[in-house]
N, C-alpha and C. Protein backbone atom coordinates (compact mmCIF):
# COMPACT_ATOMS: atom_id res chain seq x y z
N MET A 1 5.13 -62.48 -77.22
CA MET A 1 5.40 -61.31 -76.39
C MET A 1 4.68 -60.11 -77.01
N SER A 2 4.01 -59.35 -76.17
CA SER A 2 3.28 -58.19 -76.66
C SER A 2 4.22 -57.02 -76.90
N ALA A 3 3.73 -56.05 -77.63
CA ALA A 3 4.52 -54.84 -77.89
C ALA A 3 4.85 -54.12 -76.59
N ASP A 4 3.91 -54.15 -75.62
CA ASP A 4 4.16 -53.51 -74.33
C ASP A 4 5.30 -54.20 -73.59
N ASP A 5 5.33 -55.55 -73.66
CA ASP A 5 6.41 -56.30 -73.01
C ASP A 5 7.75 -55.99 -73.66
N GLU A 6 7.76 -55.92 -74.98
CA GLU A 6 8.99 -55.61 -75.70
C GLU A 6 9.48 -54.21 -75.33
N TRP A 7 8.55 -53.26 -75.22
CA TRP A 7 8.93 -51.89 -74.86
C TRP A 7 9.48 -51.86 -73.44
N ALA A 8 8.85 -52.59 -72.53
CA ALA A 8 9.32 -52.63 -71.14
C ALA A 8 10.73 -53.22 -71.07
N ASP A 9 10.99 -54.29 -71.83
CA ASP A 9 12.33 -54.89 -71.87
C ASP A 9 13.35 -53.89 -72.42
N HIS A 10 12.93 -53.14 -73.42
CA HIS A 10 13.81 -52.13 -74.02
C HIS A 10 14.18 -51.06 -72.98
N LEU A 11 13.19 -50.62 -72.21
CA LEU A 11 13.45 -49.59 -71.19
C LEU A 11 14.37 -50.11 -70.09
N VAL A 12 14.17 -51.35 -69.66
CA VAL A 12 15.06 -51.94 -68.66
C VAL A 12 16.48 -51.97 -69.20
N GLY A 13 16.62 -52.41 -70.44
CA GLY A 13 17.94 -52.46 -71.07
C GLY A 13 18.59 -51.09 -71.16
N GLU A 14 17.80 -50.09 -71.51
CA GLU A 14 18.33 -48.71 -71.58
C GLU A 14 18.81 -48.23 -70.23
N ARG A 15 18.05 -48.55 -69.17
CA ARG A 15 18.45 -48.12 -67.83
C ARG A 15 19.74 -48.83 -67.39
N ILE A 16 19.85 -50.11 -67.71
CA ILE A 16 21.06 -50.85 -67.37
C ILE A 16 22.26 -50.27 -68.11
N ARG A 17 22.09 -50.01 -69.38
CA ARG A 17 23.19 -49.45 -70.18
C ARG A 17 23.59 -48.07 -69.66
N ALA A 18 22.60 -47.23 -69.38
CA ALA A 18 22.89 -45.87 -68.89
C ALA A 18 23.65 -45.93 -67.57
N ARG A 19 23.25 -46.83 -66.68
CA ARG A 19 23.92 -46.95 -65.39
C ARG A 19 25.35 -47.45 -65.60
N ARG A 20 25.52 -48.45 -66.45
CA ARG A 20 26.86 -48.99 -66.72
C ARG A 20 27.78 -47.91 -67.27
N LEU A 21 27.27 -47.13 -68.22
CA LEU A 21 28.08 -46.08 -68.82
C LEU A 21 28.38 -44.96 -67.83
N SER A 22 27.43 -44.67 -66.94
CA SER A 22 27.66 -43.62 -65.94
C SER A 22 28.78 -44.01 -64.98
N LEU A 23 28.99 -45.31 -64.83
CA LEU A 23 30.08 -45.82 -63.98
C LEU A 23 31.35 -46.05 -64.78
N ASP A 24 31.29 -45.74 -66.07
CA ASP A 24 32.43 -45.90 -66.97
C ASP A 24 32.92 -47.36 -67.02
N LEU A 25 31.95 -48.28 -67.09
CA LEU A 25 32.26 -49.70 -67.15
C LEU A 25 32.04 -50.24 -68.55
N THR A 26 32.93 -51.11 -69.00
CA THR A 26 32.72 -51.83 -70.25
C THR A 26 31.84 -53.04 -69.95
N LEU A 27 31.33 -53.66 -71.00
CA LEU A 27 30.56 -54.89 -70.82
C LEU A 27 31.42 -55.95 -70.14
N ARG A 28 32.67 -56.05 -70.54
CA ARG A 28 33.58 -57.03 -69.95
C ARG A 28 33.78 -56.77 -68.46
N GLN A 29 33.96 -55.51 -68.09
CA GLN A 29 34.16 -55.18 -66.68
C GLN A 29 32.93 -55.50 -65.84
N LEU A 30 31.75 -55.20 -66.39
CA LEU A 30 30.52 -55.49 -65.66
C LEU A 30 30.35 -57.00 -65.51
N ALA A 31 30.59 -57.75 -66.57
CA ALA A 31 30.48 -59.22 -66.50
C ALA A 31 31.44 -59.77 -65.44
N ALA A 32 32.64 -59.21 -65.37
CA ALA A 32 33.62 -59.65 -64.37
C ALA A 32 33.14 -59.33 -62.96
N ARG A 33 32.51 -58.18 -62.78
CA ARG A 33 31.98 -57.81 -61.46
C ARG A 33 30.89 -58.77 -61.03
N LEU A 34 30.09 -59.23 -62.00
CA LEU A 34 29.00 -60.13 -61.67
C LEU A 34 29.53 -61.47 -61.19
N GLY A 35 30.48 -62.02 -61.94
CA GLY A 35 31.11 -63.27 -61.54
C GLY A 35 30.17 -64.44 -61.37
N ASN A 36 28.99 -64.39 -61.97
CA ASN A 36 28.03 -65.48 -61.80
C ASN A 36 27.70 -66.18 -63.11
N GLY A 37 28.59 -66.05 -64.08
CA GLY A 37 28.38 -66.73 -65.35
C GLY A 37 27.63 -65.91 -66.38
N VAL A 38 27.19 -64.71 -66.04
CA VAL A 38 26.54 -63.84 -67.02
C VAL A 38 27.64 -63.27 -67.91
N THR A 39 27.48 -63.44 -69.21
CA THR A 39 28.51 -63.04 -70.16
C THR A 39 28.29 -61.64 -70.70
N GLU A 40 29.34 -61.12 -71.33
CA GLU A 40 29.23 -59.82 -72.00
C GLU A 40 28.11 -59.85 -73.03
N SER A 41 28.03 -60.95 -73.75
CA SER A 41 27.02 -61.11 -74.79
C SER A 41 25.61 -61.04 -74.20
N GLN A 42 25.40 -61.69 -73.07
CA GLN A 42 24.08 -61.66 -72.43
C GLN A 42 23.73 -60.24 -71.98
N ILE A 43 24.70 -59.56 -71.39
CA ILE A 43 24.46 -58.18 -70.95
C ILE A 43 24.13 -57.31 -72.16
N SER A 44 24.86 -57.49 -73.24
CA SER A 44 24.63 -56.72 -74.46
C SER A 44 23.21 -56.95 -74.98
N ARG A 45 22.76 -58.20 -74.98
CA ARG A 45 21.40 -58.52 -75.44
C ARG A 45 20.35 -57.87 -74.53
N ILE A 46 20.61 -57.90 -73.23
CA ILE A 46 19.67 -57.27 -72.28
C ILE A 46 19.61 -55.77 -72.54
N GLU A 47 20.78 -55.15 -72.71
CA GLU A 47 20.81 -53.70 -72.94
C GLU A 47 20.11 -53.32 -74.24
N ALA A 48 20.16 -54.21 -75.24
CA ALA A 48 19.53 -53.94 -76.53
C ALA A 48 18.04 -54.26 -76.51
N GLY A 49 17.53 -54.77 -75.38
CA GLY A 49 16.11 -55.11 -75.29
C GLY A 49 15.78 -56.42 -75.95
N LYS A 50 16.79 -57.23 -76.26
CA LYS A 50 16.58 -58.52 -76.93
C LYS A 50 16.59 -59.68 -75.96
N GLY A 51 16.81 -59.39 -74.72
CA GLY A 51 16.80 -60.41 -73.68
C GLY A 51 16.29 -59.80 -72.41
N LYS A 52 15.71 -60.62 -71.58
CA LYS A 52 15.12 -60.13 -70.34
C LYS A 52 15.87 -60.78 -69.18
N PRO A 53 16.42 -59.98 -68.27
CA PRO A 53 17.14 -60.58 -67.15
C PRO A 53 16.17 -61.26 -66.18
N ARG A 54 16.55 -62.46 -65.73
CA ARG A 54 15.77 -63.11 -64.68
C ARG A 54 15.90 -62.25 -63.42
N GLY A 55 15.04 -62.47 -62.48
CA GLY A 55 15.07 -61.69 -61.24
C GLY A 55 16.42 -61.69 -60.56
N ALA A 56 17.02 -62.89 -60.44
CA ALA A 56 18.33 -63.01 -59.77
C ALA A 56 19.40 -62.25 -60.54
N THR A 57 19.33 -62.30 -61.86
CA THR A 57 20.32 -61.59 -62.68
C THR A 57 20.15 -60.09 -62.52
N LEU A 58 18.92 -59.62 -62.47
CA LEU A 58 18.66 -58.19 -62.29
C LEU A 58 19.21 -57.71 -60.94
N VAL A 59 19.03 -58.51 -59.91
CA VAL A 59 19.55 -58.16 -58.58
C VAL A 59 21.08 -58.12 -58.62
N CYS A 60 21.70 -59.10 -59.27
CA CYS A 60 23.17 -59.12 -59.38
C CYS A 60 23.67 -57.91 -60.16
N LEU A 61 22.99 -57.56 -61.25
CA LEU A 61 23.38 -56.38 -62.03
C LEU A 61 23.28 -55.13 -61.16
N ALA A 62 22.19 -55.02 -60.42
CA ALA A 62 21.99 -53.85 -59.56
C ALA A 62 23.10 -53.74 -58.52
N LYS A 63 23.40 -54.84 -57.86
CA LYS A 63 24.45 -54.81 -56.83
C LYS A 63 25.80 -54.46 -57.44
N ALA A 64 26.10 -55.02 -58.60
CA ALA A 64 27.38 -54.76 -59.26
C ALA A 64 27.51 -53.30 -59.67
N MET A 65 26.37 -52.64 -59.89
CA MET A 65 26.39 -51.24 -60.33
C MET A 65 25.93 -50.29 -59.22
N ARG A 66 25.91 -50.79 -57.98
CA ARG A 66 25.57 -49.99 -56.80
C ARG A 66 24.25 -49.22 -56.96
N THR A 67 23.23 -49.95 -57.37
CA THR A 67 21.89 -49.38 -57.46
C THR A 67 20.92 -50.46 -57.01
N THR A 68 19.63 -50.31 -57.30
CA THR A 68 18.65 -51.31 -56.90
C THR A 68 18.00 -51.94 -58.12
N ALA A 69 17.52 -53.16 -57.93
CA ALA A 69 16.79 -53.85 -59.00
C ALA A 69 15.51 -53.08 -59.33
N ILE A 70 14.89 -52.49 -58.32
CA ILE A 70 13.67 -51.70 -58.53
C ILE A 70 13.96 -50.53 -59.47
N GLU A 71 15.08 -49.84 -59.23
CA GLU A 71 15.41 -48.70 -60.08
C GLU A 71 15.71 -49.14 -61.51
N LEU A 72 16.42 -50.25 -61.67
CA LEU A 72 16.71 -50.73 -63.03
C LEU A 72 15.42 -51.17 -63.73
N ALA A 73 14.53 -51.80 -62.99
CA ALA A 73 13.30 -52.32 -63.58
C ALA A 73 12.27 -51.24 -63.88
N THR A 74 12.19 -50.24 -62.98
CA THR A 74 11.10 -49.26 -63.10
C THR A 74 11.55 -47.84 -63.35
N GLY A 75 12.82 -47.56 -63.05
CA GLY A 75 13.30 -46.18 -63.14
C GLY A 75 13.00 -45.37 -61.90
N ARG A 76 12.38 -46.00 -60.90
CA ARG A 76 12.03 -45.30 -59.66
C ARG A 76 13.03 -45.64 -58.57
N ARG A 77 13.36 -44.63 -57.79
CA ARG A 77 14.25 -44.85 -56.65
C ARG A 77 13.42 -45.27 -55.45
N GLY A 78 14.04 -46.00 -54.60
CA GLY A 78 13.37 -46.42 -53.38
C GLY A 78 14.01 -47.68 -52.84
N TYR A 79 13.52 -48.13 -51.71
CA TYR A 79 14.09 -49.32 -51.08
C TYR A 79 13.76 -50.56 -51.89
N CYS A 80 14.75 -51.42 -52.04
CA CYS A 80 14.56 -52.69 -52.74
C CYS A 80 14.79 -53.83 -51.77
N PRO A 81 13.75 -54.58 -51.41
CA PRO A 81 13.93 -55.67 -50.46
C PRO A 81 14.84 -56.79 -51.01
N PHE A 82 14.94 -56.89 -52.32
CA PHE A 82 15.77 -57.93 -52.94
C PHE A 82 17.25 -57.58 -52.86
N CYS A 83 17.57 -56.28 -52.95
CA CYS A 83 18.97 -55.82 -52.94
C CYS A 83 19.39 -55.37 -51.55
N GLY A 84 18.41 -55.01 -50.72
CA GLY A 84 18.71 -54.45 -49.42
C GLY A 84 19.32 -53.06 -49.52
N ARG A 85 18.96 -52.35 -50.58
CA ARG A 85 19.49 -50.99 -50.81
C ARG A 85 18.35 -50.02 -51.04
N GLY A 86 18.72 -48.76 -51.01
CA GLY A 86 17.76 -47.70 -51.29
C GLY A 86 17.21 -47.08 -50.02
N LYS A 87 16.32 -46.14 -50.24
CA LYS A 87 15.74 -45.42 -49.10
C LYS A 87 14.44 -46.05 -48.67
């Protein structure tokens, strides 16, 4: 994995963590909202930039936190065809 890929994973993790905290959710609460087998530990690794969410996991995270996968992945707002949300 290149340094650019590691940095991109880190930024995705930071955006996920920031969104979770803005909703005042614990890792446990977010994992419960997902209900698809993603554990607190996996979310923690993603937020720390040590793991990369698969596309389906990113969409589930976005839906659970009432945002879009595009916003979590890029930091940009807009319509997400995968989530069916956004402008």
